[in-house]
Amino acid sequence: MSDWVTTFIETIGYPGIYLLMIVEIFFPVVQSEIVMTFSGFTASRGDLNIWMAGAAGIAGSQTGSLALFALARRFSEDQVDDFLATYGRWLGFTHDNLERGQDFFRRHDQWGVVIGRLLPGLRAFIAIPAGIQDMGWGRFFVLNLIGTAFWVSVLTWLGSILGDNYDAVDQYSSYFTNAMLLAVGAFILYRLYRVVRRHVSDEPAAS
């Protein structure tokens, strides 16, 4: 997989990065970790501009996410589930992905889009529950862009500093993913604390 991805980027350049990041949204077997770290590595050799490479990756991922979001808004959860039951295995999406994405989105509402773009298993898929729940276009665009820009920028930067060892990103991205999971856990606990505190303060004082 990585060989043809790197060849595609070396041959086509920025349009190749853009197209591959669109493909990743619909076919998660194409991994942004490979696309963007190699793009960063290529930029470190002077063959690409690192800012242009990052922008191409962000634009491609945002384009794919918006297209998937638009499709999800047109169908009900049952229709999406039926489609995934028939064709999901070819796309890398399953009923479990849908169920996990729906639960995650219901728990975190709009922040689920930002956080979901940083987590494996949800990164490419979070646009579907957002679309099914009929999230507004403007809100989804901004929140998805925040998560996408952060993730793509980190990968591009890692590729540039790792140089010839860019393929070691799996090790570094796992550290980053664990850090994100800890941050999400802390965020959830903080929100729970705020809810409990508000509930306690709203209770009438005992006479």
C-alpha atoms as a PDB file:
ATOM      1  CA  MET A   1       0.000   0.000   0.000  1.00  0.00           C
ATOM      2  CA  SER A   2       2.682   2.520   1.008  1.00  0.00           C
ATOM      3  CA  ASP A   3       4.734   1.949  -2.166  1.00  0.00           C
ATOM      4  CA  TRP A   4       2.067   3.096  -4.617  1.00  0.00           C
ATOM      5  CA  VAL A   5       1.035   5.950  -2.315  1.00  0.00           C
ATOM      6  CA  THR A   6       4.567   7.338  -2.186  1.00  0.00           C
ATOM      7  CA  THR A   7       4.986   6.862  -5.941  1.00  0.00           C
ATOM      8  CA  PHE A   8       1.721   8.685  -6.564  1.00  0.00           C
ATOM      9  CA  ILE A   9       2.854  11.653  -4.470  1.00  0.00           C
ATOM     10  CA  GLU A  10       6.310  11.745  -6.082  1.00  0.00           C
ATOM     11  CA  THR A  11       4.748  11.678  -9.552  1.00  0.00           C
ATOM     12  CA  ILE A  12       1.838  14.105  -9.154  1.00  0.00           C
ATOM     13  CA  GLY A  13       2.842  16.239  -6.167  1.00  0.00           C
ATOM     14  CA  TYR A  14       0.258  18.454  -4.477  1.00  0.00           C
ATOM     15  CA  PRO A  15      -2.728  17.200  -6.525  1.00  0.00           C
ATOM     16  CA  GLY A  16      -1.717  13.675  -5.530  1.00  0.00           C
ATOM     17  CA  ILE A  17      -1.781  14.585  -1.842  1.00  0.00           C
ATOM     18  CA  TYR A  18      -5.164  16.242  -2.277  1.00  0.00           C
ATOM     19  CA  LEU A  19      -6.685  13.251  -4.081  1.00  0.00           C
ATOM     20  CA  LEU A  20      -5.260  10.662  -1.679  1.00  0.00           C
ATOM     21  CA  MET A  21      -6.677  12.509   1.328  1.00  0.00           C
ATOM     22  CA  ILE A  22     -10.102  12.507  -0.328  1.00  0.00           C
ATOM     23  CA  VAL A  23      -9.803   8.776  -0.979  1.00  0.00           C
ATOM     24  CA  GLU A  24      -8.873   8.165   2.673  1.00  0.00           C
ATOM     25  CA  ILE A  25     -12.268   9.442   3.811  1.00  0.00           C
ATOM     26  CA  PHE A  26     -14.159   6.894   1.688  1.00  0.00           C
ATOM     27  CA  PHE A  27     -11.579   4.081   1.804  1.00  0.00           C
ATOM     28  CA  PRO A  28      -9.812   4.205   5.189  1.00  0.00           C
ATOM     29  CA  VAL A  29      -7.328   1.565   4.028  1.00  0.00           C
ATOM     30  CA  VAL A  30      -5.501   4.553   2.519  1.00  0.00           C
ATOM     31  CA  GLN A  31      -3.988   6.010   5.675  1.00  0.00           C
ATOM     32  CA  SER A  32      -3.335   9.689   6.279  1.00  0.00           C
ATOM     33  CA  GLU A  33      -0.358   8.643   8.407  1.00  0.00           C
ATOM     34  CA  ILE A  34       1.399   7.399   5.270  1.00  0.00           C
ATOM     35  CA  VAL A  35       0.206  10.147   2.934  1.00  0.00           C
ATOM     36  CA  MET A  36       1.076  13.136   5.099  1.00  0.00           C
ATOM     37  CA  THR A  37       4.277  11.880   6.726  1.00  0.00           C
ATOM     38  CA  PHE A  38       5.710  11.032   3.313  1.00  0.00           C
ATOM     39  CA  SER A  39       4.585  14.451   2.106  1.00  0.00           C
ATOM     40  CA  GLY A  40       6.463  16.030   5.020  1.00  0.00           C
ATOM     41  CA  PHE A  41       9.525  13.913   4.248  1.00  0.00           C
ATOM     42  CA  THR A  42       9.388  14.896   0.576  1.00  0.00           C
ATOM     43  CA  ALA A  43       9.175  18.545   1.618  1.00  0.00           C
ATOM     44  CA  SER A  44      12.238  18.133   3.855  1.00  0.00           C
ATOM     45  CA  ARG A  45      14.193  17.045   0.744  1.00  0.00           C
ATOM     46  CA  GLY A  46      13.168  20.256  -0.987  1.00  0.00           C
ATOM     47  CA  ASP A  47      10.913  18.558  -3.558  1.00  0.00           C
ATOM     48  CA  LEU A  48       7.746  20.085  -2.078  1.00  0.00           C
ATOM     49  CA  ASN A  49       6.900  23.133  -0.013  1.00  0.00           C
ATOM     50  CA  ILE A  50       5.856  21.947   3.445  1.00  0.00           C
ATOM     51  CA  TRP A  51       3.125  24.591   3.774  1.00  0.00           C
ATOM     52  CA  MET A  52       1.674  23.720   0.373  1.00  0.00           C
ATOM     53  CA  ALA A  53       1.838  20.005   1.161  1.00  0.00           C
ATOM     54  CA  GLY A  54      -0.010  20.536   4.451  1.00  0.00           C
ATOM     55  CA  ALA A  55      -2.591  22.761   2.771  1.00  0.00           C
ATOM     56  CA  ALA A  56      -3.196  20.153   0.062  1.00  0.00           C
ATOM     57  CA  GLY A  57      -3.722  17.480   2.713  1.00  0.00           C
ATOM     58  CA  ILE A  58      -6.102  19.624   4.741  1.00  0.00           C
ATOM     59  CA  ALA A  59      -8.072  20.625   1.625  1.00  0.00           C
ATOM     60  CA  GLY A  60      -8.365  17.021   0.444  1.00  0.00           C
ATOM     61  CA  SER A  61      -9.481  15.682   3.818  1.00  0.00           C
ATOM     62  CA  GLN A  62     -11.969  18.528   4.237  1.00  0.00           C
ATOM     63  CA  THR A  63     -13.370  17.953   0.744  1.00  0.00           C
ATOM     64  CA  GLY A  64     -13.864  14.236   1.381  1.00  0.00           C
ATOM     65  CA  SER A  65     -15.430  14.843   4.791  1.00  0.00           C
ATOM     66  CA  LEU A  66     -17.886  17.380   3.376  1.00  0.00           C
ATOM     67  CA  ALA A  67     -18.888  14.972   0.600  1.00  0.00           C
ATOM     68  CA  LEU A  68     -19.463  12.155   3.115  1.00  0.00           C
ATOM     69  CA  PHE A  69     -21.360  14.550   5.384  1.00  0.00           C
ATOM     70  CA  ALA A  70     -23.601  15.602   2.482  1.00  0.00           C
ATOM     71  CA  LEU A  71     -24.385  11.978   1.659  1.00  0.00           C
ATOM     72  CA  ALA A  72     -25.155  11.139   5.291  1.00  0.00           C
ATOM     73  CA  ARG A  73     -27.596  14.063   5.554  1.00  0.00           C
ATOM     74  CA  ARG A  74     -29.670  12.590   2.728  1.00  0.00           C
ATOM     75  CA  PHE A  75     -30.314   9.234   4.400  1.00  0.00           C
ATOM     76  CA  SER A  76     -31.639   7.898   7.692  1.00  0.00           C
ATOM     77  CA  GLU A  77     -29.579   5.847  10.114  1.00  0.00           C
ATOM     78  CA  ASP A  78     -31.405   2.661   9.003  1.00  0.00           C
ATOM     79  CA  GLN A  79     -30.651   3.362   5.333  1.00  0.00           C
ATOM     80  CA  VAL A  80     -26.969   3.976   6.088  1.00  0.00           C
ATOM     81  CA  ASP A  81     -26.870   0.801   8.181  1.00  0.00           C
ATOM     82  CA  ASP A  82     -28.407  -1.244   5.348  1.00  0.00           C
ATOM     83  CA  PHE A  83     -25.870   0.166   2.894  1.00  0.00           C
ATOM     84  CA  LEU A  84     -22.956  -0.670   5.195  1.00  0.00           C
ATOM     85  CA  ALA A  85     -24.300  -4.193   5.730  1.00  0.00           C
ATOM     86  CA  THR A  86     -24.118  -4.733   1.954  1.00  0.00           C
ATOM     87  CA  TYR A  87     -21.065  -2.734   0.879  1.00  0.00           C
ATOM     88  CA  GLY A  88     -19.301  -1.734   4.077  1.00  0.00           C
ATOM     89  CA  ARG A  89     -16.666  -4.453   3.967  1.00  0.00           C
ATOM     90  CA  TRP A  90     -15.441  -3.108   0.628  1.00  0.00           C
ATOM     91  CA  LEU A  91     -15.156   0.400   2.019  1.00  0.00           C
ATOM     92  CA  GLY A  92     -13.659  -0.447   5.393  1.00  0.00           C
ATOM     93  CA  PHE A  93     -16.803   0.696   7.262  1.00  0.00           C
ATOM     94  CA  THR A  94     -19.010  -1.626   9.312  1.00  0.00           C
ATOM     95  CA  HIS A  95     -22.147  -1.504  11.437  1.00  0.00           C
ATOM     96  CA  ASP A  96     -19.888  -1.366  14.505  1.00  0.00           C
ATOM     97  CA  ASN A  97     -18.220   1.761  13.110  1.00  0.00           C
ATOM     98  CA  LEU A  98     -21.624   3.384  12.653  1.00  0.00           C
ATOM     99  CA  GLU A  99     -22.817   2.424  16.119  1.00  0.00           C
ATOM    100  CA  ARG A 100     -19.597   3.591  17.762  1.00  0.00           C
ATOM    101  CA  GLY A 101     -19.669   6.854  15.823  1.00  0.00           C
ATOM    102  CA  GLN A 102     -23.303   7.509  16.713  1.00  0.00           C
ATOM    103  CA  ASP A 103     -22.705   6.852  20.412  1.00  0.00           C
ATOM    104  CA  PHE A 104     -19.603   9.058  20.410  1.00  0.00           C
ATOM    105  CA  PHE A 105     -21.412  11.900  18.644  1.00  0.00           C
ATOM    106  CA  ARG A 106     -24.420  11.730  20.974  1.00  0.00           C
ATOM    107  CA  ARG A 107     -22.155  11.899  24.033  1.00  0.00           C
ATOM    108  CA  HIS A 108     -20.012  14.798  22.851  1.00  0.00           C
ATOM    109  CA  ASP A 109     -22.306  16.638  20.426  1.00  0.00           C
ATOM    110  CA  GLN A 110     -20.384  19.224  18.369  1.00  0.00           C
ATOM    111  CA  TRP A 111     -17.064  18.505  20.092  1.00  0.00           C
ATOM    112  CA  GLY A 112     -17.371  14.926  18.871  1.00  0.00           C
ATOM    113  CA  VAL A 113     -16.428  16.154  15.387  1.00  0.00           C
ATOM    114  CA  VAL A 114     -13.194  17.802  16.524  1.00  0.00           C
ATOM    115  CA  ILE A 115     -12.184  14.979  18.841  1.00  0.00           C
ATOM    116  CA  GLY A 116     -13.293  12.273  16.412  1.00  0.00           C
ATOM    117  CA  ARG A 117     -10.964  13.639  13.708  1.00  0.00           C
ATOM    118  CA  LEU A 118      -8.036  12.878  16.031  1.00  0.00           C
ATOM    119  CA  LEU A 119      -8.931   9.297  16.936  1.00  0.00           C
ATOM    120  CA  PRO A 120      -8.334   6.086  14.967  1.00  0.00           C
ATOM    121  CA  GLY A 121     -11.496   4.289  13.954  1.00  0.00           C
ATOM    122  CA  LEU A 122     -13.478   7.530  14.000  1.00  0.00           C
ATOM    123  CA  ARG A 123     -11.292   9.889  11.991  1.00  0.00           C
ATOM    124  CA  ALA A 124     -12.776   9.214   8.571  1.00  0.00           C
ATOM    125  CA  PHE A 125     -16.157   8.122   9.883  1.00  0.00           C
ATOM    126  CA  ILE A 126     -17.268  10.973  12.141  1.00  0.00           C
ATOM    127  CA  ALA A 127     -18.894  12.865   9.245  1.00  0.00           C
ATOM    128  CA  ILE A 128     -21.574  10.153   8.952  1.00  0.00           C
ATOM    129  CA  PRO A 129     -23.127  10.462  12.440  1.00  0.00           C
ATOM    130  CA  ALA A 130     -22.835  14.257  12.171  1.00  0.00           C
ATOM    131  CA  GLY A 131     -24.772  14.125   8.899  1.00  0.00           C
ATOM    132  CA  ILE A 132     -27.374  11.672  10.156  1.00  0.00           C
ATOM    133  CA  GLN A 133     -28.003  13.924  13.177  1.00  0.00           C
ATOM    134  CA  ASP A 134     -28.509  16.819  10.730  1.00  0.00           C
ATOM    135  CA  MET A 135     -25.729  19.003  12.096  1.00  0.00           C
ATOM    136  CA  GLY A 136     -25.576  22.431  10.445  1.00  0.00           C
ATOM    137  CA  TRP A 137     -23.283  22.870   7.445  1.00  0.00           C
ATOM    138  CA  GLY A 138     -21.415  25.844   8.851  1.00  0.00           C
ATOM    139  CA  ARG A 139     -20.818  24.258  12.235  1.00  0.00           C
ATOM    140  CA  PHE A 140     -19.616  20.990  10.730  1.00  0.00           C
ATOM    141  CA  PHE A 141     -17.314  22.819   8.296  1.00  0.00           C
ATOM    142  CA  VAL A 142     -15.570  24.781  11.049  1.00  0.00           C
ATOM    143  CA  LEU A 143     -15.312  21.986  13.622  1.00  0.00           C
ATOM    144  CA  ASN A 144     -14.163  19.406  11.103  1.00  0.00           C
ATOM    145  CA  LEU A 145     -11.591  21.866   9.747  1.00  0.00           C
ATOM    146  CA  ILE A 146     -10.154  22.432  13.229  1.00  0.00           C
ATOM    147  CA  GLY A 147      -9.634  18.715  13.846  1.00  0.00           C
ATOM    148  CA  THR A 148      -8.402  18.061  10.315  1.00  0.00           C
ATOM    149  CA  ALA A 149      -5.901  20.927  10.295  1.00  0.00           C
ATOM    150  CA  PHE A 150      -4.434  19.848  13.620  1.00  0.00           C
ATOM    151  CA  TRP A 151      -4.043  16.181  12.664  1.00  0.00           C
ATOM    152  CA  VAL A 152      -2.660  16.836   9.171  1.00  0.00           C
ATOM    153  CA  SER A 153      -0.228  19.463  10.457  1.00  0.00           C
ATOM    154  CA  VAL A 154       1.141  17.097  13.112  1.00  0.00           C
ATOM    155  CA  LEU A 155       1.671  14.315  10.569  1.00  0.00           C
ATOM    156  CA  THR A 156       3.339  16.622   8.045  1.00  0.00           C
ATOM    157  CA  TRP A 157       5.652  18.018  10.705  1.00  0.00           C
ATOM    158  CA  LEU A 158       6.543  14.522  11.941  1.00  0.00           C
ATOM    159  CA  GLY A 159       7.398  13.450   8.410  1.00  0.00           C
ATOM    160  CA  SER A 160       9.672  16.444   7.958  1.00  0.00           C
ATOM    161  CA  ILE A 161      11.661  15.847  11.143  1.00  0.00           C
ATOM    162  CA  LEU A 162      11.864  12.056  10.802  1.00  0.00           C
ATOM    163  CA  GLY A 163      13.360  12.347   7.322  1.00  0.00           C
ATOM    164  CA  ASP A 164      14.321   8.960   5.854  1.00  0.00           C
ATOM    165  CA  ASN A 165      12.735   7.326   8.902  1.00  0.00           C
ATOM    166  CA  TYR A 166       9.310   8.765   8.109  1.00  0.00           C
ATOM    167  CA  ASP A 167       7.834   5.249   8.104  1.00  0.00           C
ATOM    168  CA  ALA A 168       8.521   5.087  11.856  1.00  0.00           C
ATOM    169  CA  VAL A 169       5.523   7.378  12.300  1.00  0.00           C
ATOM    170  CA  ASP A 170       3.439   4.394  13.420  1.00  0.00           C
ATOM    171  CA  GLN A 171       5.405   4.417  16.671  1.00  0.00           C
ATOM    172  CA  TYR A 172       5.073   8.166  17.164  1.00  0.00           C
ATOM    173  CA  SER A 173       1.445   8.355  16.073  1.00  0.00           C
ATOM    174  CA  SER A 174       0.565   5.692  18.652  1.00  0.00           C
ATOM    175  CA  TYR A 175       2.038   7.946  21.362  1.00  0.00           C
ATOM    176  CA  PHE A 176       0.050  10.848  19.966  1.00  0.00           C
ATOM    177  CA  THR A 177      -3.138   8.765  19.866  1.00  0.00           C
ATOM    178  CA  ASN A 178      -2.674   7.702  23.492  1.00  0.00           C
ATOM    179  CA  ALA A 179      -2.162  11.342  24.453  1.00  0.00           C
ATOM    180  CA  MET A 180      -5.372  12.250  22.620  1.00  0.00           C
ATOM    181  CA  LEU A 181      -7.293   9.514  24.427  1.00  0.00           C
ATOM    182  CA  LEU A 182      -6.036  10.811  27.773  1.00  0.00           C
ATOM    183  CA  ALA A 183      -7.015  14.353  26.779  1.00  0.00           C
ATOM    184  CA  VAL A 184     -10.498  13.169  25.748  1.00  0.00           C
ATOM    185  CA  GLY A 185     -10.873  11.331  29.053  1.00  0.00           C
ATOM    186  CA  ALA A 186      -9.857  14.451  30.981  1.00  0.00           C
ATOM    187  CA  PHE A 187     -12.294  16.553  28.934  1.00  0.00           C
ATOM    188  CA  ILE A 188     -15.168  14.146  29.672  1.00  0.00           C
ATOM    189  CA  LEU A 189     -14.367  14.168  33.397  1.00  0.00           C
ATOM    190  CA  TYR A 190     -14.246  17.962  33.371  1.00  0.00           C
ATOM    191  CA  ARG A 191     -17.638  18.185  31.660  1.00  0.00           C
ATOM    192  CA  LEU A 192     -19.082  15.671  34.156  1.00  0.00           C
ATOM    193  CA  TYR A 193     -17.679  17.735  37.017  1.00  0.00           C
ATOM    194  CA  ARG A 194     -19.302  20.895  35.583  1.00  0.00           C
ATOM    195  CA  VAL A 195     -22.685  19.148  35.253  1.00  0.00           C
ATOM    196  CA  VAL A 196     -22.573  17.737  38.793  1.00  0.00           C
ATOM    197  CA  ARG A 197     -21.450  21.076  40.240  1.00  0.00           C
ATOM    198  CA  ARG A 198     -24.237  22.928  38.429  1.00  0.00           C
ATOM    199  CA  HIS A 199     -26.792  20.378  39.629  1.00  0.00           C
ATOM    200  CA  VAL A 200     -25.644  20.709  43.225  1.00  0.00           C
ATOM    201  CA  SER A 201     -25.652  24.517  43.100  1.00  0.00           C
ATOM    202  CA  ASP A 202     -29.189  24.511  41.653  1.00  0.00           C
ATOM    203  CA  GLU A 203     -30.573  22.457  44.538  1.00  0.00           C
ATOM    204  CA  PRO A 204     -32.386  24.541  47.169  1.00  0.00           C
ATOM    205  CA  ALA A 205     -30.485  24.963  50.369  1.00  0.00           C
ATOM    206  CA  ALA A 206     -31.690  22.723  53.151  1.00  0.00           C
ATOM    207  CA  SER A 207     -33.815  24.593  55.661  1.00  0.00           C
END
